C-alpha atoms as a PDB file:
ATOM      1  CA  MET A   1      -0.054 -33.982  12.747  1.00  0.00           C
ATOM      2  CA  ALA A   2       2.107 -30.920  12.076  1.00  0.00           C
ATOM      3  CA  LYS A   3       0.403 -27.739  11.220  1.00  0.00           C
ATOM      4  CA  LYS A   4       1.244 -26.203   7.655  1.00  0.00           C
ATOM      5  CA  LYS A   5       2.688 -22.716   7.676  1.00  0.00           C
ATOM      6  CA  ALA A   6       0.802 -20.103   6.080  1.00  0.00           C
ATOM      7  CA  PRO A   7       2.515 -18.803   2.885  1.00  0.00           C
ATOM      8  CA  GLU A   8       4.366 -15.618   3.478  1.00  0.00           C
ATOM      9  CA  LYS A   9       2.465 -12.636   1.834  1.00  0.00           C
ATOM     10  CA  LEU A  10       4.315 -11.292  -1.173  1.00  0.00           C
ATOM     11  CA  LYS A  11       5.067  -7.684  -0.338  1.00  0.00           C
ATOM     12  CA  ILE A  12       4.518  -5.441  -3.443  1.00  0.00           C
ATOM     13  CA  ASN A  13       3.780  -1.978  -2.174  1.00  0.00           C
ATOM     14  CA  ARG A  14       5.384   0.065   0.556  1.00  0.00           C
ATOM     15  CA  ILE A  15       2.212   2.345   0.904  1.00  0.00           C
ATOM     16  CA  LYS A  16       2.000   1.866   4.702  1.00  0.00           C
ATOM     17  CA  VAL A  17       5.596   2.895   5.177  1.00  0.00           C
ATOM     18  CA  VAL A  18       5.060   5.950   3.060  1.00  0.00           C
ATOM     19  CA  LEU A  19       1.868   6.948   5.135  1.00  0.00           C
ATOM     20  CA  ALA A  20       4.027   6.585   8.459  1.00  0.00           C
ATOM     21  CA  GLU A  21       6.741   8.784   7.065  1.00  0.00           C
ATOM     22  CA  LYS A  22       4.293  11.329   6.118  1.00  0.00           C
ATOM     23  CA  GLU A  23       2.126  10.765   9.337  1.00  0.00           C
ATOM     24  CA  ILE A  24      -1.059  10.451   7.419  1.00  0.00           C
ATOM     25  CA  THR A  25      -3.520   7.818   8.688  1.00  0.00           C
ATOM     26  CA  HIS A  26      -5.131   5.222   6.288  1.00  0.00           C
ATOM     27  CA  LYS A  27      -8.391   6.899   6.946  1.00  0.00           C
ATOM     28  CA  ASP A  28      -7.224  10.193   5.667  1.00  0.00           C
ATOM     29  CA  LEU A  29      -5.825   8.579   2.534  1.00  0.00           C
ATOM     30  CA  ALA A  30      -9.058   6.656   2.221  1.00  0.00           C
ATOM     31  CA  LYS A  31     -10.999  10.085   2.080  1.00  0.00           C
ATOM     32  CA  LYS A  32      -8.485  11.556  -0.395  1.00  0.00           C
ATOM     33  CA  VAL A  33      -8.859   8.737  -2.861  1.00  0.00           C
ATOM     34  CA  LYS A  34     -12.586   8.244  -2.227  1.00  0.00           C
ATOM     35  CA  LYS A  35     -12.193   4.547  -1.008  1.00  0.00           C
ATOM     36  CA  THR A  36     -13.094   2.869   2.161  1.00  0.00           C
ATOM     37  CA  PRO A  37     -10.671   2.768   5.077  1.00  0.00           C
ATOM     38  CA  ASN A  38     -11.011  -0.973   4.897  1.00  0.00           C
ATOM     39  CA  THR A  39      -9.758  -1.154   1.282  1.00  0.00           C
ATOM     40  CA  ILE A  40      -6.777   1.127   2.254  1.00  0.00           C
ATOM     41  CA  THR A  41      -6.032  -1.189   5.095  1.00  0.00           C
ATOM     42  CA  ARG A  42      -6.046  -4.147   2.922  1.00  0.00           C
ATOM     43  CA  ILE A  43      -3.709  -2.556   0.432  1.00  0.00           C
ATOM     44  CA  CYS A  44      -1.239  -1.237   3.247  1.00  0.00           C
ATOM     45  CA  ASN A  45      -1.101  -4.839   4.632  1.00  0.00           C
ATOM     46  CA  ASN A  46      -0.421  -6.187   0.964  1.00  0.00           C
ATOM     47  CA  GLU A  47      -3.534  -8.292   1.361  1.00  0.00           C
ATOM     48  CA  SER A  48      -4.700  -6.775  -1.981  1.00  0.00           C
ATOM     49  CA  GLN A  49      -3.017  -4.637  -4.569  1.00  0.00           C
ATOM     50  CA  PRO A  50      -4.251  -1.398  -6.047  1.00  0.00           C
ATOM     51  CA  THR A  51      -5.015  -0.754  -9.613  1.00  0.00           C
ATOM     52  CA  LEU A  52      -2.574   1.301 -11.535  1.00  0.00           C
ATOM     53  CA  LYS A  53      -5.014   4.054 -11.603  1.00  0.00           C
ATOM     54  CA  LEU A  54      -5.587   3.920  -7.898  1.00  0.00           C
ATOM     55  CA  LEU A  55      -1.739   3.604  -7.232  1.00  0.00           C
ATOM     56  CA  ARG A  56      -1.364   6.916  -9.433  1.00  0.00           C
ATOM     57  CA  GLU A  57      -4.153   8.507  -7.372  1.00  0.00           C
ATOM     58  CA  ILE A  58      -2.584   7.564  -4.035  1.00  0.00           C
ATOM     59  CA  ALA A  59       0.968   8.908  -5.260  1.00  0.00           C
ATOM     60  CA  ILE A  60      -0.831  12.133  -6.173  1.00  0.00           C
ATOM     61  CA  ALA A  61      -2.668  12.460  -2.616  1.00  0.00           C
ATOM     62  CA  LEU A  62       0.487  11.609  -0.953  1.00  0.00           C
ATOM     63  CA  ASN A  63       2.548  13.900  -3.366  1.00  0.00           C
ATOM     64  CA  VAL A  64       5.145  11.328  -3.910  1.00  0.00           C
ATOM     65  CA  ASP A  65       6.674   9.688  -7.039  1.00  0.00           C
ATOM     66  CA  ILE A  66       4.436   6.675  -7.990  1.00  0.00           C
ATOM     67  CA  ARG A  67       7.724   4.504  -7.733  1.00  0.00           C
ATOM     68  CA  GLU A  68       8.198   5.237  -3.992  1.00  0.00           C
ATOM     69  CA  LEU A  69       4.956   3.253  -3.367  1.00  0.00           C
ATOM     70  CA  LEU A  70       6.481  -0.009  -4.894  1.00  0.00           C
ATOM     71  CA  ILE A  71       9.051  -2.311  -3.267  1.00  0.00           C
ATOM     72  CA  PRO A  72      11.945  -2.514  -6.019  1.00  0.00           C
ATOM     73  CA  THR A  73      12.383  -5.784  -7.840  1.00  0.00           C
ATOM     74  CA  LYS A  74      16.283  -5.348  -7.998  1.00  0.00           C
ATOM     75  CA  ASP A  75      18.915  -3.351  -6.590  1.00  0.00           C
ATOM     76  CA  LYS A  76      20.500  -0.272  -8.385  1.00  0.00           C
END
């Protein structure tokens, strides 16, 4: 019997990319937004998504426009 492929994760945020660009660890971000490192890891891996309030807090902590944290839905 053939194994079923796991469905591909829908990538919604690009927080992991922004953290790498800014050379900030997920642990540092977790401290800044008062969340556990595990929560930030799950968000960075697109296993879960932040609330809009948390997304705003992350944008402020990283000093970026909130839109930079999301993958665009269409090209300009």
